[in-house]
Amino acid sequence: MSETNIKTPFRNSLRAKNTFIFSVVVLLFWVLVNKVPTYELVLVGVILELLWMPMCLSLLIIPVVSYLAWKKEQYHANSLHLYSILMVILTILWVMIHNL
């Protein structure tokens, strides 16, 4: 067996892990916004008002950044960038369904 035939296992980068964690945070934010009575509790309402615009922008930015990074990784199936994209799609569907 020559050295050129040995394949190294795929490893997710720190950027991929951070992107995935941030997409989970965005999902949790929108789930909590739809489940917690936001304006009955003053502190929760203030936090919502401060974070809703960055979270909306995150729903647009995360898929683009994740797709470009996933493309750079040659569309590897074990990449966390793929799962970040799926997580954001799930979040968008969650927000659309619960705000009908």
C-alpha atoms as a PDB file:
ATOM      1  CA  MET A   1       0.000   0.000   0.000  1.00  0.00           C
ATOM      2  CA  SER A   2       1.520   3.302  -1.020  1.00  0.00           C
ATOM      3  CA  GLU A   3       1.258   6.543   0.901  1.00  0.00           C
ATOM      4  CA  THR A   4      -0.843   8.218  -1.796  1.00  0.00           C
ATOM      5  CA  ASN A   5      -3.711   5.753  -1.299  1.00  0.00           C
ATOM      6  CA  ILE A   6      -4.138   6.473   2.413  1.00  0.00           C
ATOM      7  CA  LYS A   7      -7.082   8.754   3.054  1.00  0.00           C
ATOM      8  CA  THR A   8      -7.260  10.909   6.135  1.00  0.00           C
ATOM      9  CA  PRO A   9     -10.621  11.052   7.908  1.00  0.00           C
ATOM     10  CA  PHE A  10     -12.688  14.212   7.501  1.00  0.00           C
ATOM     11  CA  ARG A  11     -12.451  16.634  10.406  1.00  0.00           C
ATOM     12  CA  ASN A  12     -14.690  19.628  10.933  1.00  0.00           C
ATOM     13  CA  SER A  13     -12.918  22.931  11.402  1.00  0.00           C
ATOM     14  CA  LEU A  14     -13.452  25.266  14.332  1.00  0.00           C
ATOM     15  CA  ARG A  15     -15.337  27.593  11.973  1.00  0.00           C
ATOM     16  CA  ALA A  16     -17.746  24.773  11.080  1.00  0.00           C
ATOM     17  CA  LYS A  17     -18.336  23.990  14.741  1.00  0.00           C
ATOM     18  CA  ASN A  18     -18.931  27.653  15.590  1.00  0.00           C
ATOM     19  CA  THR A  19     -21.331  28.086  12.677  1.00  0.00           C
ATOM     20  CA  PHE A  20     -23.297  25.030  13.750  1.00  0.00           C
ATOM     21  CA  ILE A  21     -23.464  26.173  17.371  1.00  0.00           C
ATOM     22  CA  PHE A  22     -24.633  29.623  16.272  1.00  0.00           C
ATOM     23  CA  SER A  23     -27.342  28.107  14.051  1.00  0.00           C
ATOM     24  CA  VAL A  24     -28.561  26.068  17.060  1.00  0.00           C
ATOM     25  CA  VAL A  25     -28.620  29.284  19.152  1.00  0.00           C
ATOM     26  CA  VAL A  26     -30.699  30.996  16.457  1.00  0.00           C
ATOM     27  CA  LEU A  27     -33.136  28.057  16.391  1.00  0.00           C
ATOM     28  CA  LEU A  28     -33.459  28.099  20.184  1.00  0.00           C
ATOM     29  CA  PHE A  29     -34.039  31.860  20.147  1.00  0.00           C
ATOM     30  CA  TRP A  30     -36.954  31.580  17.715  1.00  0.00           C
ATOM     31  CA  VAL A  31     -38.454  28.603  19.531  1.00  0.00           C
ATOM     32  CA  LEU A  32     -38.310  30.483  22.842  1.00  0.00           C
ATOM     33  CA  VAL A  33     -39.788  33.606  21.279  1.00  0.00           C
ATOM     34  CA  ASN A  34     -42.784  31.584  20.090  1.00  0.00           C
ATOM     35  CA  LYS A  35     -43.204  29.600  23.324  1.00  0.00           C
ATOM     36  CA  VAL A  36     -42.535  32.170  26.091  1.00  0.00           C
ATOM     37  CA  PRO A  37     -44.997  35.022  26.675  1.00  0.00           C
ATOM     38  CA  THR A  38     -42.494  37.672  25.645  1.00  0.00           C
ATOM     39  CA  TYR A  39     -44.290  40.860  26.604  1.00  0.00           C
ATOM     40  CA  GLU A  40     -45.663  39.664  29.943  1.00  0.00           C
ATOM     41  CA  LEU A  41     -42.126  39.448  31.310  1.00  0.00           C
ATOM     42  CA  VAL A  42     -40.304  42.764  30.942  1.00  0.00           C
ATOM     43  CA  LEU A  43     -36.782  41.349  30.815  1.00  0.00           C
ATOM     44  CA  VAL A  44     -37.701  38.800  28.150  1.00  0.00           C
ATOM     45  CA  GLY A  45     -39.379  41.530  26.086  1.00  0.00           C
ATOM     46  CA  VAL A  46     -36.281  43.736  26.289  1.00  0.00           C
ATOM     47  CA  ILE A  47     -34.001  40.874  25.228  1.00  0.00           C
ATOM     48  CA  LEU A  48     -36.351  40.052  22.351  1.00  0.00           C
ATOM     49  CA  GLU A  49     -36.373  43.652  21.138  1.00  0.00           C
ATOM     50  CA  LEU A  50     -32.576  43.818  21.230  1.00  0.00           C
ATOM     51  CA  LEU A  51     -31.966  40.508  19.468  1.00  0.00           C
ATOM     52  CA  TRP A  52     -34.708  40.099  16.876  1.00  0.00           C
ATOM     53  CA  MET A  53     -32.926  42.022  14.080  1.00  0.00           C
ATOM     54  CA  PRO A  54     -29.557  40.216  14.474  1.00  0.00           C
ATOM     55  CA  MET A  55     -31.405  36.888  14.566  1.00  0.00           C
ATOM     56  CA  CYS A  56     -33.326  37.757  11.385  1.00  0.00           C
ATOM     57  CA  LEU A  57     -30.076  38.686   9.666  1.00  0.00           C
ATOM     58  CA  SER A  58     -28.532  35.449  10.891  1.00  0.00           C
ATOM     59  CA  LEU A  59     -31.251  33.517   9.072  1.00  0.00           C
ATOM     60  CA  LEU A  60     -29.981  35.098   5.855  1.00  0.00           C
ATOM     61  CA  ILE A  61     -26.230  35.099   6.494  1.00  0.00           C
ATOM     62  CA  ILE A  62     -25.651  31.633   7.994  1.00  0.00           C
ATOM     63  CA  PRO A  63     -26.851  29.657   4.942  1.00  0.00           C
ATOM     64  CA  VAL A  64     -24.715  31.707   2.557  1.00  0.00           C
ATOM     65  CA  VAL A  65     -21.574  31.417   4.679  1.00  0.00           C
ATOM     66  CA  SER A  66     -22.216  27.726   5.325  1.00  0.00           C
ATOM     67  CA  TYR A  67     -22.831  26.957   1.668  1.00  0.00           C
ATOM     68  CA  LEU A  68     -19.630  28.678   0.562  1.00  0.00           C
ATOM     69  CA  ALA A  69     -17.617  26.832   3.213  1.00  0.00           C
ATOM     70  CA  TRP A  70     -19.326  23.538   2.362  1.00  0.00           C
ATOM     71  CA  LYS A  71     -18.500  24.075  -1.303  1.00  0.00           C
ATOM     72  CA  LYS A  72     -14.868  24.687  -0.309  1.00  0.00           C
ATOM     73  CA  GLU A  73     -14.938  21.333   1.539  1.00  0.00           C
ATOM     74  CA  GLN A  74     -16.134  19.720  -1.716  1.00  0.00           C
ATOM     75  CA  TYR A  75     -19.647  18.977  -0.421  1.00  0.00           C
ATOM     76  CA  HIS A  76     -18.525  16.450   2.181  1.00  0.00           C
ATOM     77  CA  ALA A  77     -21.518  14.761   3.811  1.00  0.00           C
ATOM     78  CA  ASN A  78     -20.025  14.841   7.321  1.00  0.00           C
ATOM     79  CA  SER A  79     -19.482  18.588   7.265  1.00  0.00           C
ATOM     80  CA  LEU A  80     -21.238  20.600   9.946  1.00  0.00           C
ATOM     81  CA  HIS A  81     -21.849  23.310   7.355  1.00  0.00           C
ATOM     82  CA  LEU A  82     -24.452  21.070   5.721  1.00  0.00           C
ATOM     83  CA  TYR A  83     -26.172  20.591   9.066  1.00  0.00           C
ATOM     84  CA  SER A  84     -26.055  24.337   9.729  1.00  0.00           C
ATOM     85  CA  ILE A  85     -27.890  24.944   6.468  1.00  0.00           C
ATOM     86  CA  LEU A  86     -30.492  22.328   7.386  1.00  0.00           C
ATOM     87  CA  MET A  87     -30.850  23.837  10.866  1.00  0.00           C
ATOM     88  CA  VAL A  88     -31.526  27.296   9.420  1.00  0.00           C
ATOM     89  CA  ILE A  89     -34.073  25.877   6.979  1.00  0.00           C
ATOM     90  CA  LEU A  90     -35.780  24.178   9.924  1.00  0.00           C
ATOM     91  CA  THR A  91     -35.743  27.483  11.817  1.00  0.00           C
ATOM     92  CA  ILE A  92     -37.278  29.391   8.910  1.00  0.00           C
ATOM     93  CA  LEU A  93     -40.008  26.773   8.598  1.00  0.00           C
ATOM     94  CA  TRP A  94     -40.617  26.943  12.359  1.00  0.00           C
ATOM     95  CA  VAL A  95     -41.011  30.720  12.244  1.00  0.00           C
ATOM     96  CA  MET A  96     -43.295  30.599   9.206  1.00  0.00           C
ATOM     97  CA  ILE A  97     -45.558  27.893  10.626  1.00  0.00           C
ATOM     98  CA  HIS A  98     -45.910  29.469  14.068  1.00  0.00           C
ATOM     99  CA  ASN A  99     -46.579  32.963  12.755  1.00  0.00           C
ATOM    100  CA  LEU A 100     -49.492  32.116  10.456  1.00  0.00           C
END
